[in-house]
Amino acid sequence: MPRILVIDDQNTVRTAIALALQAKGFDVVGAENGQSGLSTFEQSRFDVVIADLFMPGIDGVTFIKALRKRNPGFPVVAMSGVLLGPAGRTALDQLQTISDLSDVICLQKPFRPNELLQAVAAALAAVASPAADSAAAMSRPQS
């Protein structure tokens, strides 16, 4: 059973994600911020990390970079509901421009459970097939 670490500063978001994933048989552990997420990651084995980009303290981008330093290529699903400016760009759009983070799978908040499951499946598939096209790994799940 895949084990997933969910990092979000909002307890309701962590709980909703955990319930959706647990209903499909995933083992889910939550962390309330990037620092707690790094500590939890180091203490146990996980197959995928789902991390919010905007959190107090260590934000999602800093967390992902620190995680990837320890474990290059580890599958990450980044999520955010933050819009950047009037053009409708999101914080997730900026991940494509950050070195070594272009393969992070993105999930725009709010999302539906099936979108979450598609993102996790894509992250797990990327691990199973490391030679997979990074463009496919960046695809955003559609409802």
N, C-alpha and C. Protein backbone atom coordinates (compact mmCIF):
# COMPACT_ATOMS: atom_id res chain seq x y z
N MET A 1 0.85 -1.18 0.00
CA MET A 1 0.00 0.00 0.00
C MET A 1 0.89 1.24 0.00
N PRO A 2 0.75 2.11 -1.01
CA PRO A 2 1.58 3.33 -1.05
C PRO A 2 1.34 4.22 0.17
N ARG A 3 2.41 4.84 0.63
CA ARG A 3 2.36 5.71 1.79
C ARG A 3 2.60 7.14 1.33
N ILE A 4 1.71 8.03 1.75
CA ILE A 4 1.75 9.41 1.27
C ILE A 4 1.86 10.38 2.44
N LEU A 5 2.78 11.33 2.31
CA LEU A 5 2.93 12.41 3.29
C LEU A 5 2.22 13.64 2.73
N VAL A 6 1.27 14.17 3.48
CA VAL A 6 0.51 15.36 3.07
C VAL A 6 0.91 16.51 3.98
N ILE A 7 1.40 17.59 3.35
CA ILE A 7 1.86 18.76 4.11
C ILE A 7 1.03 19.97 3.72
N ASP A 8 0.28 20.48 4.68
CA ASP A 8 -0.54 21.68 4.46
C ASP A 8 -0.78 22.31 5.82
N ASP A 9 -0.72 23.63 5.89
CA ASP A 9 -0.91 24.31 7.16
C ASP A 9 -2.38 24.37 7.58
N GLN A 10 -3.30 23.98 6.72
CA GLN A 10 -4.72 23.98 7.06
C GLN A 10 -5.15 22.54 7.39
N ASN A 11 -5.56 22.35 8.64
CA ASN A 11 -5.95 21.04 9.10
C ASN A 11 -7.11 20.47 8.27
N THR A 12 -8.05 21.32 7.89
CA THR A 12 -9.19 20.83 7.11
C THR A 12 -8.77 20.29 5.74
N VAL A 13 -7.78 20.92 5.14
CA VAL A 13 -7.27 20.45 3.85
C VAL A 13 -6.55 19.12 4.02
N ARG A 14 -5.69 19.03 5.03
CA ARG A 14 -4.99 17.76 5.30
C ARG A 14 -5.98 16.63 5.55
N THR A 15 -7.01 16.92 6.34
CA THR A 15 -8.00 15.89 6.67
C THR A 15 -8.78 15.47 5.44
N ALA A 16 -9.21 16.41 4.62
CA ALA A 16 -9.97 16.07 3.41
C ALA A 16 -9.13 15.22 2.46
N ILE A 17 -7.87 15.59 2.29
CA ILE A 17 -6.98 14.81 1.41
C ILE A 17 -6.77 13.42 1.99
N ALA A 18 -6.53 13.34 3.28
CA ALA A 18 -6.32 12.04 3.93
C ALA A 18 -7.54 11.14 3.76
N LEU A 19 -8.72 11.68 3.97
CA LEU A 19 -9.94 10.88 3.83
C LEU A 19 -10.12 10.37 2.41
N ALA A 20 -9.88 11.23 1.43
CA ALA A 20 -10.03 10.82 0.02
C ALA A 20 -9.04 9.72 -0.34
N LEU A 21 -7.81 9.85 0.13
CA LEU A 21 -6.79 8.86 -0.18
C LEU A 21 -6.98 7.56 0.60
N GLN A 22 -7.34 7.68 1.86
CA GLN A 22 -7.56 6.49 2.68
C GLN A 22 -8.73 5.67 2.14
N ALA A 23 -9.73 6.33 1.58
CA ALA A 23 -10.87 5.62 1.00
C ALA A 23 -10.44 4.74 -0.17
N LYS A 24 -9.31 5.06 -0.78
CA LYS A 24 -8.77 4.28 -1.90
C LYS A 24 -7.63 3.37 -1.46
N GLY A 25 -7.42 3.24 -0.16
CA GLY A 25 -6.45 2.28 0.34
C GLY A 25 -5.05 2.81 0.60
N PHE A 26 -4.84 4.11 0.48
CA PHE A 26 -3.52 4.68 0.74
C PHE A 26 -3.31 4.86 2.24
N ASP A 27 -2.07 4.74 2.66
CA ASP A 27 -1.67 5.05 4.03
C ASP A 27 -1.22 6.51 4.00
N VAL A 28 -1.84 7.35 4.84
CA VAL A 28 -1.58 8.79 4.78
C VAL A 28 -1.11 9.30 6.14
N VAL A 29 -0.06 10.13 6.09
CA VAL A 29 0.47 10.80 7.27
C VAL A 29 0.44 12.29 6.97
N GLY A 30 0.03 13.10 7.93
CA GLY A 30 -0.05 14.54 7.73
C GLY A 30 1.01 15.30 8.51
N ALA A 31 1.37 16.46 7.97
CA ALA A 31 2.28 17.39 8.65
C ALA A 31 1.76 18.79 8.42
N GLU A 32 1.87 19.65 9.43
CA GLU A 32 1.25 20.97 9.36
C GLU A 32 2.13 22.07 8.76
N ASN A 33 3.40 21.78 8.47
CA ASN A 33 4.25 22.79 7.84
C ASN A 33 5.48 22.12 7.24
N GLY A 34 6.27 22.89 6.53
CA GLY A 34 7.44 22.35 5.86
C GLY A 34 8.47 21.75 6.81
N GLN A 35 8.71 22.40 7.94
CA GLN A 35 9.69 21.87 8.90
C GLN A 35 9.22 20.53 9.45
N SER A 36 7.97 20.46 9.84
CA SER A 36 7.41 19.21 10.34
C SER A 36 7.42 18.15 9.25
N GLY A 37 7.16 18.57 8.02
CA GLY A 37 7.17 17.64 6.88
C GLY A 37 8.54 17.04 6.66
N LEU A 38 9.58 17.85 6.73
CA LEU A 38 10.95 17.33 6.56
C LEU A 38 11.30 16.35 7.66
N SER A 39 10.94 16.68 8.89
CA SER A 39 11.23 15.81 10.02
C SER A 39 10.48 14.48 9.87
N THR A 40 9.21 14.55 9.50
CA THR A 40 8.40 13.34 9.31
C THR A 40 8.96 12.51 8.17
N PHE A 41 9.37 13.16 7.09
CA PHE A 41 9.92 12.44 5.93
C PHE A 41 11.19 11.68 6.31
N GLU A 42 12.01 12.30 7.12
CA GLU A 42 13.28 11.68 7.52
C GLU A 42 13.07 10.49 8.47
N GLN A 43 11.94 10.46 9.16
CA GLN A 43 11.70 9.42 10.16
C GLN A 43 10.99 8.19 9.60
N SER A 44 10.52 8.25 8.38
CA SER A 44 9.74 7.14 7.85
C SER A 44 9.90 7.03 6.35
N ARG A 45 9.31 6.00 5.76
CA ARG A 45 9.37 5.79 4.32
C ARG A 45 8.05 6.25 3.70
N PHE A 46 8.16 7.00 2.60
CA PHE A 46 6.98 7.46 1.87
C PHE A 46 7.19 7.20 0.39
N ASP A 47 6.08 7.08 -0.33
CA ASP A 47 6.13 6.85 -1.77
C ASP A 47 5.87 8.14 -2.55
N VAL A 48 5.12 9.05 -1.97
CA VAL A 48 4.77 10.33 -2.60
C VAL A 48 4.61 11.37 -1.50
N VAL A 49 4.95 12.61 -1.82
CA VAL A 49 4.67 13.74 -0.93
C VAL A 49 3.73 14.69 -1.66
N ILE A 50 2.70 15.14 -0.95
CA ILE A 50 1.80 16.18 -1.45
C ILE A 50 2.03 17.39 -0.56
N ALA A 51 2.44 18.51 -1.17
CA ALA A 51 2.80 19.68 -0.36
C ALA A 51 2.16 20.95 -0.90
N ASP A 52 1.60 21.73 0.02
CA ASP A 52 1.09 23.05 -0.31
C ASP A 52 2.29 23.96 -0.56
N LEU A 53 2.14 24.92 -1.47
CA LEU A 53 3.25 25.83 -1.75
C LEU A 53 3.36 26.97 -0.75
N PHE A 54 2.22 27.42 -0.23
CA PHE A 54 2.24 28.57 0.67
C PHE A 54 1.90 28.15 2.09
N MET A 55 2.95 28.12 2.92
CA MET A 55 2.82 27.76 4.33
C MET A 55 3.74 28.67 5.12
N PRO A 56 3.42 28.92 6.38
CA PRO A 56 4.33 29.72 7.20
C PRO A 56 5.62 28.95 7.47
N GLY A 57 6.68 29.70 7.71
CA GLY A 57 7.98 29.05 7.96
C GLY A 57 8.57 28.56 6.66
N ILE A 58 8.83 27.27 6.57
CA ILE A 58 9.37 26.70 5.34
C ILE A 58 8.22 26.53 4.35
N ASP A 59 8.28 27.29 3.25
CA ASP A 59 7.21 27.19 2.25
C ASP A 59 7.40 25.94 1.39
N GLY A 60 6.43 25.70 0.51
CA GLY A 60 6.45 24.49 -0.30
C GLY A 60 7.65 24.37 -1.23
N VAL A 61 8.03 25.45 -1.88
CA VAL A 61 9.17 25.39 -2.80
C VAL A 61 10.45 25.08 -2.03
N THR A 62 10.65 25.73 -0.90
CA THR A 62 11.83 25.46 -0.07
C THR A 62 11.81 24.02 0.42
N PHE A 63 10.62 23.56 0.83
CA PHE A 63 10.49 22.16 1.28
C PHE A 63 10.87 21.20 0.16
N ILE A 64 10.31 21.41 -1.04
CA ILE A 64 10.57 20.50 -2.16
C ILE A 64 12.06 20.48 -2.51
N LYS A 65 12.68 21.65 -2.52
CA LYS A 65 14.13 21.70 -2.81
C LYS A 65 14.92 20.93 -1.75
N ALA A 66 14.57 21.09 -0.48
CA ALA A 66 15.28 20.37 0.59
C ALA A 66 15.04 18.86 0.46
N LEU A 67 13.82 18.48 0.14
CA LEU A 67 13.50 17.07 -0.04
C LEU A 67 14.29 16.48 -1.20
N ARG A 68 14.34 17.21 -2.31
CA ARG A 68 15.04 16.73 -3.49
C ARG A 68 16.56 16.68 -3.28
N LYS A 69 17.09 17.52 -2.38
CA LYS A 69 18.51 17.44 -2.05
C LYS A 69 18.82 16.11 -1.38
N ARG A 70 17.90 15.69 -0.52
CA ARG A 70 18.06 14.43 0.20
C ARG A 70 17.74 13.23 -0.67
N ASN A 71 16.77 13.41 -1.58
CA ASN A 71 16.27 12.30 -2.38
C ASN A 71 15.91 12.81 -3.78
N PRO A 72 16.89 12.97 -4.66
CA PRO A 72 16.64 13.52 -6.01
C PRO A 72 15.56 12.73 -6.76
N GLY A 73 14.70 13.46 -7.41
CA GLY A 73 13.67 12.83 -8.22
C GLY A 73 12.50 12.27 -7.45
N PHE A 74 12.46 12.48 -6.14
CA PHE A 74 11.35 11.94 -5.36
C PHE A 74 10.03 12.52 -5.86
N PRO A 75 8.98 11.69 -6.00
CA PRO A 75 7.72 12.18 -6.55
C PRO A 75 6.97 13.12 -5.62
N VAL A 76 6.66 14.30 -6.16
CA VAL A 76 5.99 15.34 -5.39
C VAL A 76 4.79 15.86 -6.17
N VAL A 77 3.70 16.04 -5.44
CA VAL A 77 2.53 16.73 -5.96
C VAL A 77 2.47 18.05 -5.19
N ALA A 78 2.57 19.17 -5.92
CA ALA A 78 2.48 20.49 -5.30
C ALA A 78 1.08 21.01 -5.51
N MET A 79 0.54 21.67 -4.50
CA MET A 79 -0.81 22.23 -4.62
C MET A 79 -0.82 23.66 -4.13
N SER A 80 -1.70 24.44 -4.75
CA SER A 80 -1.85 25.84 -4.35
C SER A 80 -3.16 26.37 -4.90
N GLY A 81 -3.71 27.33 -4.19
CA GLY A 81 -4.89 28.02 -4.65
C GLY A 81 -4.61 29.50 -4.90
N VAL A 82 -3.34 29.88 -4.83
CA VAL A 82 -2.94 31.28 -4.95
C VAL A 82 -2.84 31.67 -6.42
N LEU A 83 -3.53 32.77 -6.77
CA LEU A 83 -3.44 33.33 -8.12
C LEU A 83 -2.42 34.46 -8.11
N LEU A 84 -1.67 34.58 -9.20
CA LEU A 84 -0.65 35.63 -9.31
C LEU A 84 -1.06 36.62 -10.39
N GLY A 85 -1.59 37.73 -9.98
CA GLY A 85 -1.94 38.78 -10.93
C GLY A 85 -3.21 38.51 -11.71
N PRO A 86 -3.58 39.47 -12.54
CA PRO A 86 -4.84 39.40 -13.27
C PRO A 86 -4.82 38.43 -14.46
N ALA A 87 -3.67 37.93 -14.85
CA ALA A 87 -3.58 37.05 -16.02
C ALA A 87 -4.05 35.63 -15.72
N GLY A 88 -4.41 35.36 -14.46
CA GLY A 88 -4.88 34.04 -14.11
C GLY A 88 -3.77 33.03 -13.91
N ARG A 89 -2.52 33.50 -13.91
CA ARG A 89 -1.41 32.58 -13.63
C ARG A 89 -1.48 32.19 -12.16
N THR A 90 -1.02 30.99 -11.87
CA THR A 90 -1.04 30.52 -10.50
C THR A 90 0.39 30.34 -9.99
N ALA A 91 0.49 30.15 -8.70
CA ALA A 91 1.80 29.88 -8.12
C ALA A 91 2.39 28.61 -8.71
N LEU A 92 1.54 27.67 -9.10
CA LEU A 92 2.01 26.42 -9.68
C LEU A 92 2.70 26.64 -11.02
N ASP A 93 2.27 27.66 -11.77
CA ASP A 93 2.91 27.95 -13.06
C ASP A 93 4.38 28.29 -12.88
N GLN A 94 4.74 28.86 -11.75
CA GLN A 94 6.13 29.24 -11.52
C GLN A 94 7.04 28.05 -11.28
N LEU A 95 6.49 26.91 -10.89
CA LEU A 95 7.33 25.73 -10.66
C LEU A 95 8.07 25.33 -11.93
N GLN A 96 7.45 25.54 -13.09
CA GLN A 96 8.07 25.18 -14.35
C GLN A 96 9.35 25.96 -14.60
N THR A 97 9.47 27.10 -13.98
CA THR A 97 10.64 27.96 -14.21
C THR A 97 11.75 27.74 -13.18
N ILE A 98 11.48 26.92 -12.16
CA ILE A 98 12.47 26.70 -11.11
C ILE A 98 13.29 25.47 -11.44
N SER A 99 14.58 25.63 -11.46
CA SER A 99 15.50 24.54 -11.77
C SER A 99 15.22 23.33 -10.88
N ASP A 100 15.20 22.17 -11.48
CA ASP A 100 15.01 20.89 -10.80
C ASP A 100 13.60 20.67 -10.25
N LEU A 101 12.65 21.54 -10.53
CA LEU A 101 11.29 21.35 -10.04
C LEU A 101 10.27 21.23 -11.17
N SER A 102 10.74 21.19 -12.41
CA SER A 102 9.81 21.15 -13.54
C SER A 102 9.04 19.83 -13.63
N ASP A 103 9.50 18.80 -12.93
CA ASP A 103 8.80 17.51 -12.98
C ASP A 103 7.80 17.33 -11.84
N VAL A 104 7.62 18.36 -11.03
CA VAL A 104 6.65 18.29 -9.95
C VAL A 104 5.25 18.31 -10.55
N ILE A 105 4.40 17.43 -10.06
CA ILE A 105 3.02 17.37 -10.54
C ILE A 105 2.22 18.44 -9.80
N CYS A 106 1.42 19.18 -10.53
CA CYS A 106 0.72 20.33 -9.96
C CYS A 106 -0.78 20.07 -9.82
N LEU A 107 -1.33 20.57 -8.73
CA LEU A 107 -2.74 20.41 -8.44
C LEU A 107 -3.29 21.74 -7.94
N GLN A 108 -4.19 22.32 -8.72
CA GLN A 108 -4.76 23.62 -8.39
C GLN A 108 -5.92 23.47 -7.40
N LYS A 109 -5.85 24.19 -6.28
CA LYS A 109 -6.95 24.21 -5.31
C LYS A 109 -8.03 25.16 -5.81
N PRO A 110 -9.26 24.90 -5.58
CA PRO A 110 -9.80 23.67 -5.01
C PRO A 110 -9.80 22.56 -6.07
N PHE A 111 -9.68 21.34 -5.65
CA PHE A 111 -9.69 20.21 -6.57
C PHE A 111 -10.66 19.16 -6.07
N ARG A 112 -11.02 18.28 -6.97
CA ARG A 112 -11.95 17.20 -6.64
C ARG A 112 -11.15 15.94 -6.28
N PRO A 113 -11.77 15.03 -5.56
CA PRO A 113 -11.05 13.80 -5.19
C PRO A 113 -10.47 13.05 -6.39
N ASN A 114 -11.20 13.01 -7.51
CA ASN A 114 -10.67 12.28 -8.67
C ASN A 114 -9.43 12.98 -9.23
N GLU A 115 -9.36 14.30 -9.15
CA GLU A 115 -8.16 15.03 -9.59
C GLU A 115 -6.98 14.71 -8.67
N LEU A 116 -7.24 14.63 -7.39
CA LEU A 116 -6.20 14.26 -6.42
C LEU A 116 -5.68 12.86 -6.72
N LEU A 117 -6.59 11.93 -6.95
CA LEU A 117 -6.19 10.55 -7.23
C LEU A 117 -5.40 10.45 -8.54
N GLN A 118 -5.78 11.23 -9.54
CA GLN A 118 -5.03 11.25 -10.81
C GLN A 118 -3.62 11.78 -10.60
N ALA A 119 -3.49 12.82 -9.78
CA ALA A 119 -2.17 13.40 -9.52
C ALA A 119 -1.28 12.40 -8.78
N VAL A 120 -1.84 11.70 -7.80
CA VAL A 120 -1.06 10.70 -7.06
C VAL A 120 -0.68 9.55 -7.99
N ALA A 121 -1.61 9.12 -8.83
CA ALA A 121 -1.31 8.05 -9.79
C ALA A 121 -0.19 8.47 -10.74
N ALA A 122 -0.20 9.72 -11.18
CA ALA A 122 0.85 10.22 -12.07
C ALA A 122 2.20 10.24 -11.35
N ALA A 123 2.19 10.62 -10.07
CA ALA A 123 3.43 10.64 -9.29
C ALA A 123 3.98 9.23 -9.10
N LEU A 124 3.11 8.30 -8.80
CA LEU A 124 3.53 6.90 -8.63
C LEU A 124 4.02 6.32 -9.95
N ALA A 125 3.36 6.67 -11.05
CA ALA A 125 3.77 6.19 -12.38
C ALA A 125 5.13 6.74 -12.76
N ALA A 126 5.41 7.98 -12.38
CA ALA A 126 6.70 8.59 -12.69
C ALA A 126 7.83 7.83 -12.00
N VAL A 127 7.56 7.32 -10.81
CA VAL A 127 8.56 6.53 -10.08
C VAL A 127 8.73 5.18 -10.73
N ALA A 128 7.62 4.58 -11.14
CA ALA A 128 7.66 3.26 -11.77
C ALA A 128 8.35 3.31 -13.12
N SER A 129 8.28 4.46 -13.77
CA SER A 129 8.85 4.63 -15.10
C SER A 129 9.69 5.89 -15.13
N PRO A 130 10.90 5.87 -14.56
CA PRO A 130 11.71 7.08 -14.45
C PRO A 130 12.07 7.69 -15.80
N ALA A 131 11.99 6.93 -16.87
CA ALA A 131 12.32 7.47 -18.19
C ALA A 131 11.11 8.15 -18.83
N ALA A 132 10.02 8.25 -18.08
CA ALA A 132 8.82 8.88 -18.62
C ALA A 132 9.08 10.32 -19.00
N ASP A 133 8.39 10.76 -20.00
CA ASP A 133 8.53 12.13 -20.50
C ASP A 133 8.13 13.11 -19.40
N SER A 134 8.99 14.07 -19.10
CA SER A 134 8.69 15.02 -18.03
C SER A 134 7.47 15.87 -18.38
N ALA A 135 7.17 16.05 -19.63
CA ALA A 135 5.96 16.80 -20.00
C ALA A 135 4.73 16.04 -19.54
N ALA A 136 4.74 14.74 -19.64
CA ALA A 136 3.60 13.94 -19.17
C ALA A 136 3.48 14.05 -17.67
N ALA A 137 4.60 14.11 -16.98
CA ALA A 137 4.57 14.21 -15.53
C ALA A 137 4.01 15.56 -15.07
N MET A 138 4.12 16.57 -15.89
CA MET A 138 3.62 17.89 -15.52
C MET A 138 2.14 18.06 -15.81
N SER A 139 1.52 17.10 -16.43
CA SER A 139 0.12 17.28 -16.81
C SER A 139 -0.73 17.54 -15.58
N ARG A 140 -1.68 18.40 -15.77
CA ARG A 140 -2.60 18.72 -14.68
C ARG A 140 -3.84 17.88 -14.84
N PRO A 141 -4.23 17.18 -13.78
CA PRO A 141 -5.43 16.35 -13.87
C PRO A 141 -6.65 17.20 -14.18
N GLN A 142 -7.52 16.66 -14.99
CA GLN A 142 -8.78 17.33 -15.34
C GLN A 142 -9.93 16.55 -14.74
N SER A 143 -11.01 17.27 -14.42
CA SER A 143 -12.17 16.58 -13.85
C SER A 143 -12.97 15.88 -14.91
